N, C-alpha and C. Protein backbone atom coordinates (compact mmCIF):
# COMPACT_ATOMS: atom_id res chain seq x y z
N UNK A 1 10.07 -11.11 6.41
CA UNK A 1 10.02 -12.43 6.27
C UNK A 1 10.96 -12.99 5.60
N UNK A 2 11.90 -14.11 6.40
CA UNK A 2 12.91 -14.68 5.59
C UNK A 2 12.54 -16.07 5.20
N UNK A 3 13.10 -16.54 3.92
CA UNK A 3 12.72 -17.66 3.42
C UNK A 3 13.34 -18.67 4.00
N UNK A 4 13.10 -19.94 4.08
CA UNK A 4 13.81 -21.13 4.54
C UNK A 4 14.71 -21.67 3.70
N UNK A 5 15.60 -22.18 3.55
CA UNK A 5 16.48 -22.87 2.53
C UNK A 5 15.90 -24.01 1.79
N UNK A 6 15.05 -24.82 2.42
CA UNK A 6 14.64 -25.88 1.70
C UNK A 6 13.29 -25.50 0.90
N UNK A 7 12.90 -24.49 0.75
CA UNK A 7 11.96 -24.06 -0.20
C UNK A 7 12.49 -23.79 -1.72
N UNK A 8 11.63 -24.45 -2.54
CA UNK A 8 12.14 -24.18 -4.20
C UNK A 8 10.87 -23.53 -4.82
N UNK A 9 11.26 -22.71 -5.62
CA UNK A 9 10.58 -22.11 -6.40
C UNK A 9 9.80 -20.73 -5.90
N UNK A 10 8.56 -20.54 -6.59
CA UNK A 10 7.91 -19.22 -6.07
C UNK A 10 6.84 -19.64 -4.86
N UNK A 11 7.09 -19.09 -3.74
CA UNK A 11 6.29 -19.20 -2.53
C UNK A 11 5.94 -18.08 -1.76
N UNK A 12 4.66 -17.83 -1.88
CA UNK A 12 4.00 -16.50 -1.13
C UNK A 12 4.27 -16.56 0.24
N UNK A 13 5.09 -15.37 0.62
CA UNK A 13 5.45 -15.41 2.22
C UNK A 13 4.18 -14.60 2.90
N UNK A 14 3.92 -15.02 4.11
CA UNK A 14 2.78 -14.40 4.65
C UNK A 14 3.06 -13.02 5.37
N UNK A 15 2.28 -12.26 5.18
CA UNK A 15 2.37 -10.76 5.52
C UNK A 15 2.98 -9.77 4.72
N UNK A 16 3.90 -10.44 3.86
CA UNK A 16 4.80 -9.54 3.28
C UNK A 16 4.00 -8.77 1.93
N UNK A 17 2.92 -9.54 1.41
CA UNK A 17 2.42 -8.91 0.37
C UNK A 17 1.55 -8.01 0.78
N UNK A 18 1.03 -7.91 2.22
CA UNK A 18 0.31 -6.64 2.57
C UNK A 18 1.16 -5.43 2.54
N UNK A 19 2.58 -5.53 3.17
CA UNK A 19 3.41 -4.44 3.08
C UNK A 19 3.53 -3.96 1.74
N UNK A 20 3.80 -5.02 0.65
CA UNK A 20 4.11 -4.64 -0.58
C UNK A 20 2.91 -4.01 -1.22
N UNK A 21 1.61 -4.24 -1.09
CA UNK A 21 0.45 -3.85 -1.55
C UNK A 21 0.27 -2.40 -0.97
N UNK A 22 0.57 -2.04 0.42
CA UNK A 22 0.61 -0.69 0.98
C UNK A 22 1.62 0.12 0.42
N UNK A 23 2.94 -0.32 0.04
CA UNK A 23 3.80 0.59 -0.63
C UNK A 23 3.42 0.94 -2.12
N UNK A 24 2.70 -0.03 -2.78
CA UNK A 24 2.20 0.25 -4.10
C UNK A 24 1.08 1.28 -4.02
N UNK A 25 0.25 1.19 -3.16
CA UNK A 25 -0.80 2.30 -3.01
C UNK A 25 0.06 3.71 -2.86
N UNK A 26 0.96 3.59 -2.03
CA UNK A 26 1.78 5.03 -1.58
C UNK A 26 2.31 5.48 -3.06
N UNK A 27 2.97 4.65 -3.75
CA UNK A 27 3.78 4.94 -4.83
C UNK A 27 2.89 5.27 -5.96
N UNK A 28 1.51 5.02 -6.00
CA UNK A 28 0.57 5.48 -6.93
C UNK A 28 0.40 7.07 -6.91
N UNK A 29 0.70 7.56 -5.78
CA UNK A 29 0.75 9.11 -5.38
C UNK A 29 2.08 9.32 -5.73
N UNK A 30 2.17 10.11 -6.76
CA UNK A 30 3.62 10.39 -7.58
C UNK A 30 4.27 11.22 -6.76
N UNK A 31 3.92 12.07 -5.81
CA UNK A 31 4.44 13.01 -4.77
C UNK A 31 5.37 11.93 -3.90
N UNK A 32 4.94 11.03 -3.46
CA UNK A 32 5.40 10.19 -2.51
C UNK A 32 6.66 9.15 -3.22
N UNK A 33 6.59 9.22 -4.57
CA UNK A 33 7.69 8.24 -5.18
C UNK A 33 9.04 8.73 -4.93
N UNK A 34 9.28 10.03 -4.67
CA UNK A 34 10.67 10.58 -4.32
C UNK A 34 10.44 11.43 -3.00
N UNK A 35 11.68 11.96 -2.69
CA UNK A 35 11.64 12.51 -1.41
C UNK A 35 11.68 14.05 -1.60
N UNK A 36 10.42 14.46 -1.97
CA UNK A 36 10.43 15.95 -2.37
C UNK A 36 10.10 16.89 -0.92
N UNK A 37 9.59 16.44 -0.19
CA UNK A 37 9.26 17.16 1.27
C UNK A 37 10.38 17.35 2.04
N UNK A 38 10.35 18.63 2.39
CA UNK A 38 11.41 19.34 3.35
C UNK A 38 11.32 18.88 4.55
N UNK A 39 9.91 18.71 5.17
CA UNK A 39 9.49 18.64 6.59
C UNK A 39 8.95 16.96 6.70
N UNK A 40 8.98 16.32 7.61
CA UNK A 40 8.55 15.07 7.71
C UNK A 40 6.94 15.18 7.90
N UNK A 41 6.52 16.21 8.49
CA UNK A 41 5.04 16.63 8.62
C UNK A 41 4.36 16.61 7.40
N UNK A 42 5.09 17.00 6.43
CA UNK A 42 4.24 17.29 5.26
C UNK A 42 4.39 16.03 4.27
N UNK A 43 5.39 15.14 4.53
CA UNK A 43 5.19 13.85 4.13
C UNK A 43 4.33 12.85 4.53
N UNK A 44 4.07 13.27 6.23
CA UNK A 44 3.30 12.31 6.47
C UNK A 44 1.59 12.78 6.44
N UNK A 45 1.53 13.98 5.99
CA UNK A 45 -0.01 14.50 5.37
C UNK A 45 -0.22 13.86 4.02
N UNK A 46 0.74 13.97 3.27
CA UNK A 46 0.68 13.14 1.95
C UNK A 46 0.31 11.68 2.06
N UNK A 47 1.00 11.02 3.10
CA UNK A 47 0.61 9.62 3.14
C UNK A 47 -1.02 9.60 3.74
N UNK A 48 -1.36 10.48 4.47
CA UNK A 48 -2.65 10.42 5.00
C UNK A 48 -3.50 10.68 3.97
N UNK A 49 -3.22 11.74 2.91
CA UNK A 49 -4.06 12.00 1.51
C UNK A 49 -4.26 10.80 0.81
N UNK A 50 -3.01 10.02 0.59
CA UNK A 50 -3.16 8.66 -0.33
C UNK A 50 -3.93 7.80 0.51
N UNK A 51 -3.93 7.58 1.62
CA UNK A 51 -4.61 6.40 2.24
C UNK A 51 -6.22 6.96 2.27
N UNK A 52 -6.55 8.23 2.28
CA UNK A 52 -7.85 8.80 2.19
C UNK A 52 -8.34 8.46 0.89
N UNK A 53 -7.62 8.79 0.03
CA UNK A 53 -8.07 8.63 -1.36
C UNK A 53 -8.25 7.21 -1.43
N UNK A 54 -7.54 6.30 -0.95
CA UNK A 54 -7.76 4.80 -1.27
C UNK A 54 -9.12 4.31 -0.67
N UNK A 55 -9.23 5.02 0.69
CA UNK A 55 -10.50 4.55 1.32
C UNK A 55 -11.85 4.90 0.89
N UNK A 56 -12.02 6.10 0.28
CA UNK A 56 -12.90 6.79 -0.46
C UNK A 56 -13.28 5.90 -1.85
N UNK A 57 -12.21 5.46 -2.56
CA UNK A 57 -12.32 4.63 -3.62
C UNK A 57 -13.02 3.34 -3.14
N UNK A 58 -12.73 2.89 -2.27
CA UNK A 58 -13.07 1.35 -1.92
C UNK A 58 -14.59 1.80 -1.24
N UNK A 59 -14.88 2.63 -0.70
CA UNK A 59 -16.23 3.05 -0.02
C UNK A 59 -17.11 3.45 -1.05
N UNK A 60 -16.63 3.95 -2.12
CA UNK A 60 -17.72 4.32 -3.23
C UNK A 60 -17.96 3.16 -4.32
N UNK A 61 -17.24 2.11 -4.28
CA UNK A 61 -17.17 0.98 -4.93
C UNK A 61 -18.61 0.25 -4.89
N UNK A 62 -19.36 -0.04 -5.89
CA UNK A 62 -20.57 -0.82 -5.71
C UNK A 62 -20.35 -2.19 -5.19
N UNK A 63 -21.06 -2.58 -4.29
CA UNK A 63 -21.06 -4.12 -3.61
C UNK A 63 -22.40 -4.80 -4.27
N UNK A 64 -21.91 -6.09 -4.39
CA UNK A 64 -22.99 -6.90 -4.93
C UNK A 64 -24.14 -7.36 -4.10
N UNK A 65 -25.43 -7.17 -4.25
CA UNK A 65 -26.38 -7.48 -3.39
C UNK A 65 -26.22 -8.59 -2.48
N UNK A 66 -26.36 -8.73 -1.05
CA UNK A 66 -26.23 -9.99 -0.31
C UNK A 66 -27.62 -10.74 -0.49
N UNK A 67 -27.46 -12.13 -0.33
CA UNK A 67 -28.60 -12.99 -0.49
C UNK A 67 -29.15 -13.51 0.54
């Protein structure tokens, strides 16, 4: 997303925060912070592993009761 020239100060760009949050989740898995993998398939598996961990943490989180 490009900023327009008439914007001043900090403005949250739409959709960009979703990508930044995704990259932050991947970087939390230290092995993905650097390019350690020789094959792209093993790097792809590490991304799946990281996202599965994220989903299980979200599913295990207690939810407030509905009214």
